[in-house]
Amino acid sequence: MARPPVVSAGVLAWRRRPGGPQFLLVHPGGPYWAKKDAAGWSIPKGLIDPGEDGWTAARREFREELGLGIDGDAESLTPVTASAKTVQAWLVEADLDVSRIASNTFEIEWPPRSGRRQTFPEVDRAEWFDAATAAIKIHKGQRPILAEAVERLTGGS
């Protein structure tokens, strides 16, 4: 019996700046990601609930991970599949203050096999990056999402 595909939905927010567009990425919280920077960041995203529309899920996940709403004209980007998970993303222009975010939390046993459970934020920080820096920071599987967004916004320049 085949498992249903794992599909996430997310938002790649961008804002206009004199040097070119900047992109909003989030850093996952918790001890596994604490020291990971290059290829450790992501677009705000999460699983699509059964029967849920992708854009609705993307906005829900954005709010859960940042504590901020996202609206605007959303452009669907080409879905990517990496590590057996498909990510559907929408490109949205938004100039948000992410200096203070309010993320959902998760609980795990930490340290492993200690019997102690600790709570961590899903996202421990969010930052705006220029395209070149974002390409280094973003998870490898999501790089095609960023590349398509840059191409659409700059025409490849």
Protein backbone atom coordinates (compact mmCIF):
# COMPACT_ATOMS: atom_id res chain seq x y z
CA MET A 1 0.00 0.00 0.00
CA ALA A 2 1.56 3.28 -1.12
CA ARG A 3 1.71 6.18 1.28
CA PRO A 4 0.08 9.42 0.18
CA PRO A 5 2.58 12.00 -1.02
CA VAL A 6 3.83 14.49 1.56
CA VAL A 7 3.00 17.99 0.33
CA SER A 8 3.88 21.25 2.04
CA ALA A 9 2.80 24.76 1.16
CA GLY A 10 4.78 27.90 1.81
CA VAL A 11 5.30 31.55 1.05
CA LEU A 12 8.38 33.15 -0.41
CA ALA A 13 7.84 36.77 0.61
CA TRP A 14 9.90 39.44 -1.10
CA ARG A 15 10.36 43.18 -0.80
CA ARG A 16 11.78 45.88 -3.06
CA ARG A 17 15.14 47.41 -2.21
CA PRO A 18 17.48 49.67 -4.23
CA GLY A 19 19.99 46.83 -4.73
CA GLY A 20 17.32 44.40 -5.88
CA PRO A 21 14.69 42.23 -4.23
CA GLN A 22 15.16 40.77 -0.77
CA PHE A 23 13.64 37.46 0.31
CA LEU A 24 12.28 36.40 3.69
CA LEU A 25 13.62 33.13 5.07
CA VAL A 26 13.16 31.47 8.44
CA HIS A 27 15.59 29.44 10.53
CA PRO A 28 14.19 26.29 12.15
CA GLY A 29 14.24 26.21 15.92
CA GLY A 30 15.48 23.42 18.12
CA PRO A 31 18.81 21.84 18.87
CA TYR A 32 19.29 20.03 15.55
CA TRP A 33 19.41 23.29 13.61
CA ALA A 34 21.03 25.53 16.22
CA LYS A 35 24.45 25.67 14.52
CA LYS A 36 23.32 25.20 10.93
CA ASP A 37 23.37 28.34 8.80
CA ALA A 38 24.30 27.70 5.15
CA ALA A 39 21.52 25.58 3.59
CA GLY A 40 19.72 25.64 6.94
CA TRP A 41 17.08 28.27 6.23
CA SER A 42 13.67 27.77 4.61
CA ILE A 43 10.63 29.51 3.30
CA PRO A 44 7.89 29.50 5.96
CA LYS A 45 5.99 26.32 5.10
CA GLY A 46 4.16 23.32 6.47
CA LEU A 47 1.99 20.38 5.60
CA ILE A 48 -1.27 20.85 3.75
CA ASP A 49 -4.18 19.44 5.76
CA PRO A 50 -6.49 16.94 3.99
CA GLY A 51 -8.93 18.83 1.79
CA GLU A 52 -7.13 22.15 2.37
CA ASP A 53 -6.30 24.52 -0.47
CA GLY A 54 -2.53 25.05 -0.91
CA TRP A 55 -2.60 28.85 -0.73
CA THR A 56 -4.77 28.67 2.41
CA ALA A 57 -2.26 26.26 3.98
CA ALA A 58 0.67 28.48 3.00
CA ARG A 59 -0.91 31.52 4.71
CA ARG A 60 -1.77 29.44 7.80
CA GLU A 61 1.78 28.16 8.09
CA PHE A 62 3.20 31.66 7.61
CA ARG A 63 1.09 32.89 10.54
CA GLU A 64 2.00 29.88 12.70
CA GLU A 65 5.73 30.23 12.09
CA LEU A 66 6.01 34.03 12.27
CA GLY A 67 2.94 35.27 14.09
CA LEU A 68 2.29 37.56 11.12
CA GLY A 69 -0.38 37.52 8.46
CA ILE A 70 0.45 37.52 4.76
CA ASP A 71 -1.84 38.75 2.02
CA GLY A 72 -1.38 40.20 -1.40
CA ASP A 73 -1.18 39.02 -4.96
CA ALA A 74 0.27 35.54 -4.73
CA GLU A 75 2.02 34.03 -7.74
CA SER A 76 2.26 30.26 -7.75
CA LEU A 77 5.80 28.97 -8.27
CA THR A 78 6.72 25.61 -9.77
CA PRO A 79 6.48 22.90 -7.08
CA VAL A 80 9.73 21.15 -6.16
CA THR A 81 10.25 17.67 -4.78
CA ALA A 82 13.17 16.87 -2.49
CA SER A 83 13.61 14.15 0.12
CA ALA A 84 10.24 12.62 -0.84
CA LYS A 85 8.39 15.85 -0.01
CA THR A 86 6.82 18.22 -2.50
CA VAL A 87 6.81 21.92 -1.69
CA GLN A 88 4.26 24.22 -3.31
CA ALA A 89 5.27 27.87 -2.94
CA TRP A 90 3.72 31.24 -3.61
CA LEU A 91 5.65 34.44 -4.28
CA VAL A 92 4.15 37.42 -2.45
CA GLU A 93 5.40 40.99 -2.15
CA ALA A 94 5.29 42.11 1.49
CA ASP A 95 7.49 44.41 3.54
CA LEU A 96 7.12 42.98 7.04
CA ASP A 97 8.99 43.74 10.25
CA VAL A 98 10.40 40.39 11.37
CA SER A 99 12.54 41.71 14.22
CA ARG A 100 10.12 40.02 16.66
CA ILE A 101 8.34 36.89 15.61
CA ALA A 102 5.94 34.63 17.51
CA SER A 103 6.33 31.03 16.38
CA ASN A 104 4.44 27.90 17.33
CA THR A 105 6.45 25.45 19.43
CA PHE A 106 7.18 21.74 19.41
CA GLU A 107 8.31 19.35 22.12
CA ILE A 108 11.02 16.67 21.91
CA GLU A 109 13.12 14.58 24.24
CA TRP A 110 16.33 16.58 24.71
CA PRO A 111 19.05 15.60 25.16
CA PRO A 112 18.33 12.29 23.41
CA ARG A 113 17.61 9.36 25.73
CA SER A 114 17.62 11.70 28.75
CA GLY A 115 13.94 11.24 29.57
CA ARG A 116 13.58 15.06 29.67
CA ARG A 117 11.23 16.83 27.29
CA GLN A 118 11.92 20.35 26.16
CA THR A 119 9.93 22.83 24.15
CA PHE A 120 11.44 24.74 21.22
CA PRO A 121 10.05 27.27 18.71
CA GLU A 122 9.34 25.93 15.21
CA VAL A 123 11.22 28.99 13.94
CA ASP A 124 13.85 30.76 16.02
CA ARG A 125 14.44 33.71 13.69
CA ALA A 126 13.44 35.27 10.39
CA GLU A 127 15.54 37.56 8.21
CA TRP A 128 15.51 39.33 4.87
CA PHE A 129 18.31 38.42 2.46
CA ASP A 130 19.40 39.66 -0.95
CA ALA A 131 19.15 37.05 -3.69
CA ALA A 132 22.80 35.97 -3.58
CA THR A 133 22.82 35.52 0.20
CA ALA A 134 19.42 33.79 0.16
CA ALA A 135 20.79 31.28 -2.38
CA ILE A 136 23.46 30.28 0.15
CA LYS A 137 21.15 30.26 3.18
CA ILE A 138 18.15 28.41 1.73
CA HIS A 139 17.83 24.64 1.99
CA LYS A 140 19.22 22.96 -1.15
CA GLY A 141 15.87 21.41 -2.04
CA GLN A 142 14.23 24.85 -2.08
CA ARG A 143 16.86 26.58 -4.24
CA PRO A 144 14.80 26.09 -7.42
CA ILE A 145 11.94 28.02 -5.77
CA LEU A 146 14.26 30.94 -5.05
CA ALA A 147 15.87 30.78 -8.50
CA GLU A 148 12.47 30.94 -10.22
CA ALA A 149 11.44 33.89 -8.04
CA VAL A 150 14.66 35.78 -8.84
CA GLU A 151 14.17 35.10 -12.55
CA ARG A 152 10.58 36.38 -12.45
CA LEU A 153 11.47 39.52 -10.48
CA THR A 154 14.70 40.49 -12.23
CA GLY A 155 14.47 38.84 -15.62
CA GLY A 156 17.72 37.02 -14.83
CA SER A 157 19.81 40.14 -14.29
